Amino acid sequence: IARVKAQLRRYKKYNGVTAQNKNVIVHSGLVINISTHECFLNEKPLSLTPTEFSILRILCENKGNVVSSEQLFSEIWGDEYFSKSNNTITVHIRHLREKMNDTIDNPKYIKTVWGIGYKIEK
């Protein structure tokens, strides 16, 4: 039984299989536990600010769909978006990418859709 469990775990880890329930989002080595506010990347804990955690959660909940900066801003802060708010989102995305060792040139997780927003591929 242990061998079967190990094979299934490796299959899910290396083939990018996503599994979701209400409190846990799993995607390509990224695990987000919403109820405990913990995030792991390749089984290593990520130290995220509450804002970074919220951005990553929103992007993962909308896998495959583009989430605009306006949507992120209004959902996280509950305020009305204005043009200078885009820099706020951009900086938080940059910090997230740094912590996840994700590059803007060849992103593995957070992809920029120029002029529209950000997304995480399915």
PDB file of N, CA and C in Angstrom:
ATOM      1  N   ILE A   1       0.830  -1.184   0.000  1.00  0.00           N
ATOM      2  CA  ILE A   1       0.000   0.000   0.000  1.00  0.00           C
ATOM      3  C   ILE A   1       0.879   1.253   0.000  1.00  0.00           C
ATOM      4  N   ALA A   2       1.960   1.223   0.762  1.00  0.00           N
ATOM      5  CA  ALA A   2       2.852   2.383   0.823  1.00  0.00           C
ATOM      6  C   ALA A   2       3.450   2.684  -0.545  1.00  0.00           C
ATOM      7  N   ARG A   3       3.796   1.649  -1.299  1.00  0.00           N
ATOM      8  CA  ARG A   3       4.357   1.857  -2.639  1.00  0.00           C
ATOM      9  C   ARG A   3       3.337   2.495  -3.570  1.00  0.00           C
ATOM     10  N   VAL A   4       2.102   2.053  -3.475  1.00  0.00           N
ATOM     11  CA  VAL A   4       1.043   2.625  -4.315  1.00  0.00           C
ATOM     12  C   VAL A   4       0.837   4.096  -3.959  1.00  0.00           C
ATOM     13  N   LYS A   5       0.790   4.395  -2.667  1.00  0.00           N
ATOM     14  CA  LYS A   5       0.624   5.784  -2.237  1.00  0.00           C
ATOM     15  C   LYS A   5       1.787   6.651  -2.718  1.00  0.00           C
ATOM     16  N   ALA A   6       2.999   6.114  -2.632  1.00  0.00           N
ATOM     17  CA  ALA A   6       4.171   6.867  -3.089  1.00  0.00           C
ATOM     18  C   ALA A   6       4.099   7.124  -4.591  1.00  0.00           C
ATOM     19  N   GLN A   7       3.673   6.125  -5.353  1.00  0.00           N
ATOM     20  CA  GLN A   7       3.542   6.298  -6.805  1.00  0.00           C
ATOM     21  C   GLN A   7       2.487   7.344  -7.136  1.00  0.00           C
ATOM     22  N   LEU A   8       1.363   7.297  -6.449  1.00  0.00           N
ATOM     23  CA  LEU A   8       0.313   8.287  -6.688  1.00  0.00           C
ATOM     24  C   LEU A   8       0.784   9.692  -6.331  1.00  0.00           C
ATOM     25  N   ARG A   9       1.497   9.812  -5.218  1.00  0.00           N
ATOM     26  CA  ARG A   9       2.013  11.114  -4.807  1.00  0.00           C
ATOM     27  C   ARG A   9       2.980  11.663  -5.859  1.00  0.00           C
ATOM     28  N   ARG A  10       3.880  10.820  -6.353  1.00  0.00           N
ATOM     29  CA  ARG A  10       4.825  11.263  -7.382  1.00  0.00           C
ATOM     30  C   ARG A  10       4.113  11.617  -8.676  1.00  0.00           C
ATOM     31  N   TYR A  11       3.116  10.837  -9.042  1.00  0.00           N
ATOM     32  CA  TYR A  11       2.365  11.118 -10.268  1.00  0.00           C
ATOM     33  C   TYR A  11       1.712  12.495 -10.190  1.00  0.00           C
ATOM     34  N   LYS A  12       1.065  12.770  -9.079  1.00  0.00           N
ATOM     35  CA  LYS A  12       0.398  14.061  -8.908  1.00  0.00           C
ATOM     36  C   LYS A  12       1.404  15.202  -8.886  1.00  0.00           C
ATOM     37  N   LYS A  13       2.539  14.979  -8.228  1.00  0.00           N
ATOM     38  CA  LYS A  13       3.544  16.028  -8.099  1.00  0.00           C
ATOM     39  C   LYS A  13       4.177  16.366  -9.442  1.00  0.00           C
ATOM     40  N   TYR A  14       4.565  15.363 -10.203  1.00  0.00           N
ATOM     41  CA  TYR A  14       5.325  15.611 -11.425  1.00  0.00           C
ATOM     42  C   TYR A  14       4.469  15.814 -12.660  1.00  0.00           C
ATOM     43  N   ASN A  15       3.219  15.470 -12.620  1.00  0.00           N
ATOM     44  CA  ASN A  15       2.356  15.661 -13.783  1.00  0.00           C
ATOM     45  C   ASN A  15       1.438  16.860 -13.638  1.00  0.00           C
ATOM     46  N   GLY A  16       1.618  17.630 -12.592  1.00  0.00           N
ATOM     47  CA  GLY A  16       0.853  18.857 -12.431  1.00  0.00           C
ATOM     48  C   GLY A  16      -0.625  18.629 -12.212  1.00  0.00           C
ATOM     49  N   VAL A  17      -0.989  17.480 -11.682  1.00  0.00           N
ATOM     50  CA  VAL A  17      -2.395  17.204 -11.414  1.00  0.00           C
ATOM     51  C   VAL A  17      -2.853  18.119 -10.290  1.00  0.00           C
ATOM     52  N   THR A  18      -3.986  18.743 -10.481  1.00  0.00           N
ATOM     53  CA  THR A  18      -4.501  19.638  -9.454  1.00  0.00           C
ATOM     54  C   THR A  18      -5.602  18.942  -8.670  1.00  0.00           C
ATOM     55  N   ALA A  19      -5.585  19.170  -7.393  1.00  0.00           N
ATOM     56  CA  ALA A  19      -6.634  18.639  -6.526  1.00  0.00           C
ATOM     57  C   ALA A  19      -7.100  19.781  -5.641  1.00  0.00           C
ATOM     58  N   GLN A  20      -8.392  19.966  -5.598  1.00  0.00           N
ATOM     59  CA  GLN A  20      -8.903  21.074  -4.797  1.00  0.00           C
ATOM     60  C   GLN A  20     -10.010  20.592  -3.874  1.00  0.00           C
ATOM     61  N   ASN A  21     -10.010  21.105  -2.673  1.00  0.00           N
ATOM     62  CA  ASN A  21     -11.178  21.019  -1.825  1.00  0.00           C
ATOM     63  C   ASN A  21     -11.394  22.430  -1.298  1.00  0.00           C
ATOM     64  N   LYS A  22     -12.283  22.595  -0.377  1.00  0.00           N
ATOM     65  CA  LYS A  22     -12.642  23.947   0.051  1.00  0.00           C
ATOM     66  C   LYS A  22     -11.479  24.735   0.637  1.00  0.00           C
ATOM     67  N   ASN A  23     -10.581  24.070   1.347  1.00  0.00           N
ATOM     68  CA  ASN A  23      -9.547  24.792   2.081  1.00  0.00           C
ATOM     69  C   ASN A  23      -8.139  24.629   1.533  1.00  0.00           C
ATOM     70  N   VAL A  24      -7.935  23.733   0.581  1.00  0.00           N
ATOM     71  CA  VAL A  24      -6.596  23.486   0.060  1.00  0.00           C
ATOM     72  C   VAL A  24      -6.617  23.568  -1.462  1.00  0.00           C
ATOM     73  N   ILE A  25      -5.664  24.319  -2.005  1.00  0.00           N
ATOM     74  CA  ILE A  25      -5.502  24.414  -3.453  1.00  0.00           C
ATOM     75  C   ILE A  25      -4.127  23.851  -3.777  1.00  0.00           C
ATOM     76  N   VAL A  26      -4.071  22.900  -4.715  1.00  0.00           N
ATOM     77  CA  VAL A  26      -2.816  22.274  -5.113  1.00  0.00           C
ATOM     78  C   VAL A  26      -2.621  22.495  -6.602  1.00  0.00           C
ATOM     79  N   HIS A  27      -1.415  22.939  -6.972  1.00  0.00           N
ATOM     80  CA  HIS A  27      -1.121  23.159  -8.388  1.00  0.00           C
ATOM     81  C   HIS A  27       0.382  23.084  -8.628  1.00  0.00           C
ATOM     82  N   SER A  28       0.825  22.081  -9.366  1.00  0.00           N
ATOM     83  CA  SER A  28       2.233  21.954  -9.795  1.00  0.00           C
ATOM     84  C   SER A  28       3.240  22.220  -8.678  1.00  0.00           C
ATOM     85  N   GLY A  29       3.136  21.510  -7.588  1.00  0.00           N
ATOM     86  CA  GLY A  29       4.081  21.680  -6.491  1.00  0.00           C
ATOM     87  C   GLY A  29       3.751  22.816  -5.544  1.00  0.00           C
ATOM     88  N   LEU A  30       2.705  23.572  -5.856  1.00  0.00           N
ATOM     89  CA  LEU A  30       2.273  24.683  -5.012  1.00  0.00           C
ATOM     90  C   LEU A  30       1.058  24.236  -4.210  1.00  0.00           C
ATOM     91  N   VAL A  31       1.125  24.366  -2.890  1.00  0.00           N
ATOM     92  CA  VAL A  31       0.018  23.992  -2.012  1.00  0.00           C
ATOM     93  C   VAL A  31      -0.356  25.211  -1.174  1.00  0.00           C
ATOM     94  N   ILE A  32      -1.624  25.601  -1.274  1.00  0.00           N
ATOM     95  CA  ILE A  32      -2.125  26.740  -0.507  1.00  0.00           C
ATOM     96  C   ILE A  32      -3.221  26.237   0.416  1.00  0.00           C
ATOM     97  N   ASN A  33      -3.001  26.373   1.720  1.00  0.00           N
ATOM     98  CA  ASN A  33      -4.003  25.998   2.700  1.00  0.00           C
ATOM     99  C   ASN A  33      -4.675  27.283   3.177  1.00  0.00           C
ATOM    100  N   ILE A  34      -5.901  27.481   2.733  1.00  0.00           N
ATOM    101  CA  ILE A  34      -6.614  28.726   3.015  1.00  0.00           C
ATOM    102  C   ILE A  34      -6.953  28.857   4.497  1.00  0.00           C
ATOM    103  N   SER A  35      -7.347  27.763   5.135  1.00  0.00           N
ATOM    104  CA  SER A  35      -7.772  27.852   6.535  1.00  0.00           C
ATOM    105  C   SER A  35      -6.611  28.120   7.486  1.00  0.00           C
ATOM    106  N   THR A  36      -5.407  27.612   7.184  1.00  0.00           N
ATOM    107  CA  THR A  36      -4.258  27.855   8.065  1.00  0.00           C
ATOM    108  C   THR A  36      -3.362  28.983   7.563  1.00  0.00           C
ATOM    109  N   HIS A  37      -3.688  29.534   6.411  1.00  0.00           N
ATOM    110  CA  HIS A  37      -2.907  30.614   5.788  1.00  0.00           C
ATOM    111  C   HIS A  37      -1.463  30.198   5.569  1.00  0.00           C
ATOM    112  N   GLU A  38      -1.262  28.941   5.128  1.00  0.00           N
ATOM    113  CA  GLU A  38       0.075  28.434   4.849  1.00  0.00           C
ATOM    114  C   GLU A  38       0.212  28.175   3.362  1.00  0.00           C
ATOM    115  N   CYS A  39       1.438  28.340   2.881  1.00  0.00           N
ATOM    116  CA  CYS A  39       1.716  28.107   1.475  1.00  0.00           C
ATOM    117  C   CYS A  39       3.034  27.348   1.371  1.00  0.00           C
ATOM    118  N   PHE A  40       3.054  26.310   0.534  1.00  0.00           N
ATOM    119  CA  PHE A  40       4.247  25.507   0.331  1.00  0.00           C
ATOM    120  C   PHE A  40       4.536  25.415  -1.157  1.00  0.00           C
ATOM    121  N   LEU A  41       5.818  25.482  -1.498  1.00  0.00           N
ATOM    122  CA  LEU A  41       6.247  25.307  -2.875  1.00  0.00           C
ATOM    123  C   LEU A  41       7.268  24.189  -2.880  1.00  0.00           C
ATOM    124  N   ASN A  42       6.942  23.101  -3.578  1.00  0.00           N
ATOM    125  CA  ASN A  42       7.784  21.906  -3.597  1.00  0.00           C
ATOM    126  C   ASN A  42       8.118  21.453  -2.177  1.00  0.00           C
ATOM    127  N   GLU A  43       7.093  21.437  -1.342  1.00  0.00           N
ATOM    128  CA  GLU A  43       7.145  20.979   0.046  1.00  0.00           C
ATOM    129  C   GLU A  43       7.962  21.887   0.969  1.00  0.00           C
ATOM    130  N   LYS A  44       8.361  23.062   0.488  1.00  0.00           N
ATOM    131  CA  LYS A  44       9.080  24.027   1.325  1.00  0.00           C
ATOM    132  C   LYS A  44       8.134  25.186   1.632  1.00  0.00           C
ATOM    133  N   PRO A  45       8.084  25.617   2.894  1.00  0.00           N
ATOM    134  CA  PRO A  45       7.162  26.707   3.244  1.00  0.00           C
ATOM    135  C   PRO A  45       7.578  28.030   2.604  1.00  0.00           C
ATOM    136  N   LEU A  46       6.585  28.764   2.144  1.00  0.00           N
ATOM    137  CA  LEU A  46       6.803  30.114   1.618  1.00  0.00           C
ATOM    138  C   LEU A  46       6.335  31.107   2.675  1.00  0.00           C
ATOM    139  N   SER A  47       7.148  32.084   2.948  1.00  0.00           N
ATOM    140  CA  SER A  47       6.775  33.126   3.900  1.00  0.00           C
ATOM    141  C   SER A  47       6.158  34.277   3.116  1.00  0.00           C
ATOM    142  N   LEU A  48       4.828  34.368   3.146  1.00  0.00           N
ATOM    143  CA  LEU A  48       4.111  35.375   2.374  1.00  0.00           C
ATOM    144  C   LEU A  48       3.413  36.365   3.296  1.00  0.00           C
ATOM    145  N   THR A  49       3.327  37.593   2.836  1.00  0.00           N
ATOM    146  CA  THR A  49       2.531  38.589   3.549  1.00  0.00           C
ATOM    147  C   THR A  49       1.058  38.261   3.301  1.00  0.00           C
ATOM    148  N   PRO A  50       0.157  38.787   4.109  1.00  0.00           N
ATOM    149  CA  PRO A  50      -1.269  38.534   3.865  1.00  0.00           C
ATOM    150  C   PRO A  50      -1.718  38.971   2.466  1.00  0.00           C
ATOM    151  N   THR A  51      -1.166  40.065   1.968  1.00  0.00           N
ATOM    152  CA  THR A  51      -1.534  40.536   0.630  1.00  0.00           C
ATOM    153  C   THR A  51      -1.026  39.582  -0.439  1.00  0.00           C
ATOM    154  N   GLU A  52       0.224  39.137  -0.318  1.00  0.00           N
ATOM    155  CA  GLU A  52       0.781  38.183  -1.284  1.00  0.00           C
ATOM    156  C   GLU A  52      -0.012  36.882  -1.260  1.00  0.00           C
ATOM    157  N   PHE A  53      -0.360  36.436  -0.058  1.00  0.00           N
ATOM    158  CA  PHE A  53      -1.150  35.213   0.067  1.00  0.00           C
ATOM    159  C   PHE A  53      -2.493  35.377  -0.641  1.00  0.00           C
ATOM    160  N   SER A  54      -3.139  36.512  -0.448  1.00  0.00           N
ATOM    161  CA  SER A  54      -4.442  36.759  -1.077  1.00  0.00           C
ATOM    162  C   SER A  54      -4.331  36.791  -2.596  1.00  0.00           C
ATOM    163  N   ILE A  55      -3.299  37.440  -3.118  1.00  0.00           N
ATOM    164  CA  ILE A  55      -3.111  37.487  -4.572  1.00  0.00           C
ATOM    165  C   ILE A  55      -2.926  36.081  -5.119  1.00  0.00           C
ATOM    166  N   LEU A  56      -2.067  35.299  -4.484  1.00  0.00           N
ATOM    167  CA  LEU A  56      -1.807  33.937  -4.949  1.00  0.00           C
ATOM    168  C   LEU A  56      -3.063  33.079  -4.855  1.00  0.00           C
ATOM    169  N   ARG A  57      -3.818  33.230  -3.780  1.00  0.00           N
ATOM    170  CA  ARG A  57      -5.066  32.476  -3.622  1.00  0.00           C
ATOM    171  C   ARG A  57      -6.053  32.826  -4.727  1.00  0.00           C
ATOM    172  N   ILE A  58      -6.229  34.104  -5.002  1.00  0.00           N
ATOM    173  CA  ILE A  58      -7.177  34.537  -6.037  1.00  0.00           C
ATOM    174  C   ILE A  58      -6.756  34.001  -7.401  1.00  0.00           C
ATOM    175  N   LEU A  59      -5.468  34.088  -7.713  1.00  0.00           N
ATOM    176  CA  LEU A  59      -4.993  33.589  -9.006  1.00  0.00           C
ATOM    177  C   LEU A  59      -5.196  32.078  -9.128  1.00  0.00           C
ATOM    178  N   CYS A  60      -4.926  31.342  -8.047  1.00  0.00           N
ATOM    179  CA  CYS A  60      -5.100  29.882  -8.085  1.00  0.00           C
ATOM    180  C   CYS A  60      -6.570  29.484  -8.147  1.00  0.00           C
ATOM    181  N   GLU A  61      -7.430  30.245  -7.506  1.00  0.00           N
ATOM    182  CA  GLU A  61      -8.863  29.951  -7.570  1.00  0.00           C
ATOM    183  C   GLU A  61      -9.421  30.207  -8.965  1.00  0.00           C
ATOM    184  N   ASN A  62      -8.732  31.024  -9.749  1.00  0.00           N
ATOM    185  CA  ASN A  62      -9.162  31.352 -11.109  1.00  0.00           C
ATOM    186  C   ASN A  62      -8.188  30.784 -12.139  1.00  0.00           C
ATOM    187  N   LYS A  63      -7.658  29.586 -11.873  1.00  0.00           N
ATOM    188  CA  LYS A  63      -6.679  28.964 -12.769  1.00  0.00           C
ATOM    189  C   LYS A  63      -7.150  28.964 -14.208  1.00  0.00           C
ATOM    190  N   GLY A  64      -6.259  29.377 -15.098  1.00  0.00           N
ATOM    191  CA  GLY A  64      -6.569  29.381 -16.518  1.00  0.00           C
ATOM    192  C   GLY A  64      -7.268  30.641 -16.986  1.00  0.00           C
ATOM    193  N   ASN A  65      -7.769  31.439 -16.065  1.00  0.00           N
ATOM    194  CA  ASN A  65      -8.455  32.686 -16.406  1.00  0.00           C
ATOM    195  C   ASN A  65      -7.576  33.875 -16.041  1.00  0.00           C
ATOM    196  N   VAL A  66      -7.660  34.908 -16.846  1.00  0.00           N
ATOM    197  CA  VAL A  66      -6.910  36.127 -16.562  1.00  0.00           C
ATOM    198  C   VAL A  66      -7.650  36.917 -15.486  1.00  0.00           C
ATOM    199  N   VAL A  67      -6.904  37.342 -14.475  1.00  0.00           N
ATOM    200  CA  VAL A  67      -7.458  38.185 -13.416  1.00  0.00           C
ATOM    201  C   VAL A  67      -6.817  39.558 -13.577  1.00  0.00           C
ATOM    202  N   SER A  68      -7.636  40.560 -13.779  1.00  0.00           N
ATOM    203  CA  SER A  68      -7.108  41.908 -14.009  1.00  0.00           C
ATOM    204  C   SER A  68      -6.600  42.522 -12.708  1.00  0.00           C
ATOM    205  N   SER A  69      -5.753  43.527 -12.864  1.00  0.00           N
ATOM    206  CA  SER A  69      -5.256  44.263 -11.697  1.00  0.00           C
ATOM    207  C   SER A  69      -6.408  44.905 -10.941  1.00  0.00           C
ATOM    208  N   GLU A  70      -7.415  45.358 -11.689  1.00  0.00           N
ATOM    209  CA  GLU A  70      -8.586  45.974 -11.066  1.00  0.00           C
ATOM    210  C   GLU A  70      -9.317  44.980 -10.172  1.00  0.00           C
ATOM    211  N   GLN A  71      -9.483  43.746 -10.677  1.00  0.00           N
ATOM    212  CA  GLN A  71     -10.164  42.713  -9.897  1.00  0.00           C
ATOM    213  C   GLN A  71      -9.377  42.389  -8.634  1.00  0.00           C
ATOM    214  N   LEU A  72      -8.059  42.220  -8.781  1.00  0.00           N
ATOM    215  CA  LEU A  72      -7.224  41.915  -7.624  1.00  0.00           C
ATOM    216  C   LEU A  72      -7.312  43.027  -6.583  1.00  0.00           C
ATOM    217  N   PHE A  73      -7.187  44.259  -7.035  1.00  0.00           N
ATOM    218  CA  PHE A  73      -7.195  45.398  -6.115  1.00  0.00           C
ATOM    219  C   PHE A  73      -8.513  45.493  -5.358  1.00  0.00           C
ATOM    220  N   SER A  74      -9.617  45.420  -6.092  1.00  0.00           N
ATOM    221  CA  SER A  74     -10.915  45.579  -5.425  1.00  0.00           C
ATOM    222  C   SER A  74     -11.235  44.399  -4.514  1.00  0.00           C
ATOM    223  N   GLU A  75     -10.795  43.187  -4.876  1.00  0.00           N
ATOM    224  CA  GLU A  75     -11.081  42.027  -4.026  1.00  0.00           C
ATOM    225  C   GLU A  75     -10.226  42.022  -2.760  1.00  0.00           C
ATOM    226  N   ILE A  76      -8.990  42.469  -2.865  1.00  0.00           N
ATOM    227  CA  ILE A  76      -8.095  42.445  -1.708  1.00  0.00           C
ATOM    228  C   ILE A  76      -8.346  43.626  -0.773  1.00  0.00           C
ATOM    229  N   TRP A  77      -8.413  44.822  -1.325  1.00  0.00           N
ATOM    230  CA  TRP A  77      -8.543  46.013  -0.488  1.00  0.00           C
ATOM    231  C   TRP A  77      -9.970  46.524  -0.376  1.00  0.00           C
ATOM    232  N   GLY A  78     -10.845  46.089  -1.258  1.00  0.00           N
ATOM    233  CA  GLY A  78     -12.228  46.525  -1.197  1.00  0.00           C
ATOM    234  C   GLY A  78     -12.420  47.976  -1.597  1.00  0.00           C
ATOM    235  N   ASP A  79     -11.389  48.574  -2.141  1.00  0.00           N
ATOM    236  CA  ASP A  79     -11.460  49.971  -2.570  1.00  0.00           C
ATOM    237  C   ASP A  79     -11.669  50.056  -4.074  1.00  0.00           C
ATOM    238  N   GLU A  80     -12.020  51.246  -4.501  1.00  0.00           N
ATOM    239  CA  GLU A  80     -12.167  51.492  -5.925  1.00  0.00           C
ATOM    240  C   GLU A  80     -10.779  51.593  -6.548  1.00  0.00           C
ATOM    241  N   TYR A  81     -10.618  50.965  -7.684  1.00  0.00           N
ATOM    242  CA  TYR A  81      -9.344  50.948  -8.394  1.00  0.00           C
ATOM    243  C   TYR A  81      -9.133  52.272  -9.113  1.00  0.00           C
ATOM    244  N   PHE A  82      -7.917  52.792  -9.068  1.00  0.00           N
ATOM    245  CA  PHE A  82      -7.566  53.945  -9.889  1.00  0.00           C
ATOM    246  C   PHE A  82      -6.213  53.651 -10.535  1.00  0.00           C
ATOM    247  N   SER A  83      -5.861  54.356 -11.574  1.00  0.00           N
ATOM    248  CA  SER A  83      -4.729  53.997 -12.432  1.00  0.00           C
ATOM    249  C   SER A  83      -3.414  53.796 -11.682  1.00  0.00           C
ATOM    250  N   LYS A  84      -3.156  54.534 -10.624  1.00  0.00           N
ATOM    251  CA  LYS A  84      -1.899  54.387  -9.894  1.00  0.00           C
ATOM    252  C   LYS A  84      -1.883  53.131  -9.022  1.00  0.00           C
ATOM    253  N   SER A  85      -3.026  52.491  -8.858  1.00  0.00           N
ATOM    254  CA  SER A  85      -3.098  51.263  -8.067  1.00  0.00           C
ATOM    255  C   SER A  85      -2.399  50.111  -8.762  1.00  0.00           C
ATOM    256  N   ASN A  86      -2.227  50.205 -10.073  1.00  0.00           N
ATOM    257  CA  ASN A  86      -1.585  49.134 -10.824  1.00  0.00           C
ATOM    258  C   ASN A  86      -0.171  48.887 -10.314  1.00  0.00           C
ATOM    259  N   ASN A  87       0.534  49.949  -9.915  1.00  0.00           N
ATOM    260  CA  ASN A  87       1.882  49.780  -9.385  1.00  0.00           C
ATOM    261  C   ASN A  87       1.872  48.955  -8.104  1.00  0.00           C
ATOM    262  N   THR A  88       0.858  49.113  -7.299  1.00  0.00           N
ATOM    263  CA  THR A  88       0.736  48.348  -6.061  1.00  0.00           C
ATOM    264  C   THR A  88       0.672  46.858  -6.365  1.00  0.00           C
ATOM    265  N   ILE A  89      -0.187  46.479  -7.285  1.00  0.00           N
ATOM    266  CA  ILE A  89      -0.326  45.068  -7.661  1.00  0.00           C
ATOM    267  C   ILE A  89       0.968  44.560  -8.282  1.00  0.00           C
ATOM    268  N   THR A  90       1.575  45.354  -9.161  1.00  0.00           N
ATOM    269  CA  THR A  90       2.813  44.956  -9.837  1.00  0.00           C
ATOM    270  C   THR A  90       3.921  44.656  -8.833  1.00  0.00           C
ATOM    271  N   VAL A  91       4.059  45.481  -7.823  1.00  0.00           N
ATOM    272  CA  VAL A  91       5.096  45.276  -6.807  1.00  0.00           C
ATOM    273  C   VAL A  91       4.833  43.996  -6.024  1.00  0.00           C
ATOM    274  N   HIS A  92       3.590  43.754  -5.638  1.00  0.00           N
ATOM    275  CA  HIS A  92       3.271  42.527  -4.897  1.00  0.00           C
ATOM    276  C   HIS A  92       3.506  41.286  -5.765  1.00  0.00           C
ATOM    277  N   ILE A  93       3.172  41.363  -7.038  1.00  0.00           N
ATOM    278  CA  ILE A  93       3.428  40.239  -7.954  1.00  0.00           C
ATOM    279  C   ILE A  93       4.932  40.003  -8.067  1.00  0.00           C
ATOM    280  N   ARG A  94       5.707  41.074  -8.166  1.00  0.00           N
ATOM    281  CA  ARG A  94       7.165  40.936  -8.260  1.00  0.00           C
ATOM    282  C   ARG A  94       7.727  40.254  -7.014  1.00  0.00           C
ATOM    283  N   HIS A  95       7.248  40.650  -5.838  1.00  0.00           N
ATOM    284  CA  HIS A  95       7.712  40.026  -4.597  1.00  0.00           C
ATOM    285  C   HIS A  95       7.315  38.550  -4.545  1.00  0.00           C
ATOM    286  N   LEU A  96       6.106  38.246  -4.992  1.00  0.00           N
ATOM    287  CA  LEU A  96       5.666  36.853  -5.041  1.00  0.00           C
ATOM    288  C   LEU A  96       6.578  36.034  -5.941  1.00  0.00           C
ATOM    289  N   ARG A  97       6.869  36.565  -7.123  1.00  0.00           N
ATOM    290  CA  ARG A  97       7.743  35.853  -8.061  1.00  0.00           C
ATOM    291  C   ARG A  97       9.124  35.628  -7.463  1.00  0.00           C
ATOM    292  N   GLU A  98       9.656  36.619  -6.767  1.00  0.00           N
ATOM    293  CA  GLU A  98      10.968  36.472  -6.128  1.00  0.00           C
ATOM    294  C   GLU A  98      10.943  35.345  -5.099  1.00  0.00           C
ATOM    295  N   LYS A  99       9.914  35.314  -4.290  1.00  0.00           N
ATOM    296  CA  LYS A  99       9.819  34.286  -3.251  1.00  0.00           C
ATOM    297  C   LYS A  99       9.611  32.892  -3.841  1.00  0.00           C
ATOM    298  N   MET A 100       8.981  32.833  -5.021  1.00  0.00           N
ATOM    299  CA  MET A 100       8.711  31.550  -5.669  1.00  0.00           C
ATOM    300  C   MET A 100       9.804  31.178  -6.675  1.00  0.00           C
ATOM    301  N   ASN A 101      10.846  31.998  -6.768  1.00  0.00           N
ATOM    302  CA  ASN A 101      11.907  31.808  -7.764  1.00  0.00           C
ATOM    303  C   ASN A 101      11.341  31.707  -9.169  1.00  0.00           C
ATOM    304  N   ASP A 102      10.344  32.510  -9.443  1.00  0.00           N
ATOM    305  CA  ASP A 102       9.686  32.561 -10.745  1.00  0.00           C
ATOM    306  C   ASP A 102      10.242  33.778 -11.480  1.00  0.00           C
ATOM    307  N   THR A 103      10.516  33.633 -12.761  1.00  0.00           N
ATOM    308  CA  THR A 103      11.063  34.754 -13.521  1.00  0.00           C
ATOM    309  C   THR A 103       9.998  35.349 -14.420  1.00  0.00           C
ATOM    310  N   ILE A 104      10.157  36.614 -14.748  1.00  0.00           N
ATOM    311  CA  ILE A 104       9.200  37.271 -15.639  1.00  0.00           C
ATOM    312  C   ILE A 104       9.422  36.826 -17.086  1.00  0.00           C
ATOM    313  N   ASP A 105      10.678  36.473 -17.428  1.00  0.00           N
ATOM    314  CA  ASP A 105      10.989  36.058 -18.795  1.00  0.00           C
ATOM    315  C   ASP A 105      10.453  34.670 -19.113  1.00  0.00           C
ATOM    316  N   ASN A 106      10.538  33.763 -18.157  1.00  0.00           N
ATOM    317  CA  ASN A 106      10.079  32.395 -18.357  1.00  0.00           C
ATOM    318  C   ASN A 106       9.331  31.935 -17.104  1.00  0.00           C
ATOM    319  N   PRO A 107       8.147  32.486 -16.874  1.00  0.00           N
ATOM    320  CA  PRO A 107       7.437  32.177 -15.628  1.00  0.00           C
ATOM    321  C   PRO A 107       6.874  30.757 -15.611  1.00  0.00           C
ATOM    322  N   LYS A 108       7.012  30.111 -14.466  1.00  0.00           N
ATOM    323  CA  LYS A 108       6.428  28.782 -14.301  1.00  0.00           C
ATOM    324  C   LYS A 108       5.040  28.883 -13.676  1.00  0.00           C
ATOM    325  N   TYR A 109       4.837  29.868 -12.845  1.00  0.00           N
ATOM    326  CA  TYR A 109       3.576  29.985 -12.126  1.00  0.00           C
ATOM    327  C   TYR A 109       2.765  31.202 -12.573  1.00  0.00           C
ATOM    328  N   ILE A 110       3.191  32.386 -12.204  1.00  0.00           N
ATOM    329  CA  ILE A 110       2.406  33.598 -12.472  1.00  0.00           C
ATOM    330  C   ILE A 110       2.805  34.177 -13.827  1.00  0.00           C
ATOM    331  N   LYS A 111       1.867  34.148 -14.744  1.00  0.00           N
ATOM    332  CA  LYS A 111       2.114  34.673 -16.090  1.00  0.00           C
ATOM    333  C   LYS A 111       1.427  36.022 -16.245  1.00  0.00           C
ATOM    334  N   THR A 112       2.118  36.942 -16.914  1.00  0.00           N
ATOM    335  CA  THR A 112       1.560  38.261 -17.186  1.00  0.00           C
ATOM    336  C   THR A 112       0.892  38.242 -18.546  1.00  0.00           C
ATOM    337  N   VAL A 113      -0.338  38.698 -18.606  1.00  0.00           N
ATOM    338  CA  VAL A 113      -1.037  38.900 -19.872  1.00  0.00           C
ATOM    339  C   VAL A 113      -1.026  40.407 -20.071  1.00  0.00           C
ATOM    340  N   TRP A 114      -0.118  40.866 -20.926  1.00  0.00           N
ATOM    341  CA  TRP A 114       0.154  42.295 -21.068  1.00  0.00           C
ATOM    342  C   TRP A 114      -1.105  43.090 -21.371  1.00  0.00           C
ATOM    343  N   GLY A 115      -1.281  44.154 -20.612  1.00  0.00           N
ATOM    344  CA  GLY A 115      -2.406  45.051 -20.808  1.00  0.00           C
ATOM    345  C   GLY A 115      -3.703  44.569 -20.187  1.00  0.00           C
ATOM    346  N   ILE A 116      -3.698  43.338 -19.641  1.00  0.00           N
ATOM    347  CA  ILE A 116      -4.937  42.789 -19.083  1.00  0.00           C
ATOM    348  C   ILE A 116      -4.782  42.444 -17.608  1.00  0.00           C
ATOM    349  N   GLY A 117      -3.819  41.575 -17.277  1.00  0.00           N
ATOM    350  CA  GLY A 117      -3.669  41.162 -15.889  1.00  0.00           C
ATOM    351  C   GLY A 117      -2.716  39.993 -15.742  1.00  0.00           C
ATOM    352  N   TYR A 118      -3.058  39.069 -14.847  1.00  0.00           N
ATOM    353  CA  TYR A 118      -2.192  37.946 -14.514  1.00  0.00           C
ATOM    354  C   TYR A 118      -3.009  36.666 -14.500  1.00  0.00           C
ATOM    355  N   LYS A 119      -2.302  35.534 -14.690  1.00  0.00           N
ATOM    356  CA  LYS A 119      -2.993  34.252 -14.601  1.00  0.00           C
ATOM    357  C   LYS A 119      -2.020  33.156 -14.226  1.00  0.00           C
ATOM    358  N   ILE A 120      -2.590  32.080 -13.734  1.00  0.00           N
ATOM    359  CA  ILE A 120      -1.862  30.847 -13.487  1.00  0.00           C
ATOM    360  C   ILE A 120      -2.471  29.817 -14.419  1.00  0.00           C
ATOM    361  N   GLU A 121      -1.612  29.163 -15.217  1.00  0.00           N
ATOM    362  CA  GLU A 121      -2.098  28.180 -16.189  1.00  0.00           C
ATOM    363  C   GLU A 121      -2.719  26.985 -15.484  1.00  0.00           C
ATOM    364  N   LYS A 122      -3.648  26.342 -16.181  1.00  0.00           N
ATOM    365  CA  LYS A 122      -4.258  25.117 -15.642  1.00  0.00           C
ATOM    366  C   LYS A 122      -3.277  23.984 -15.690  1.00  0.00           C
TER     367      LYS A 122
END
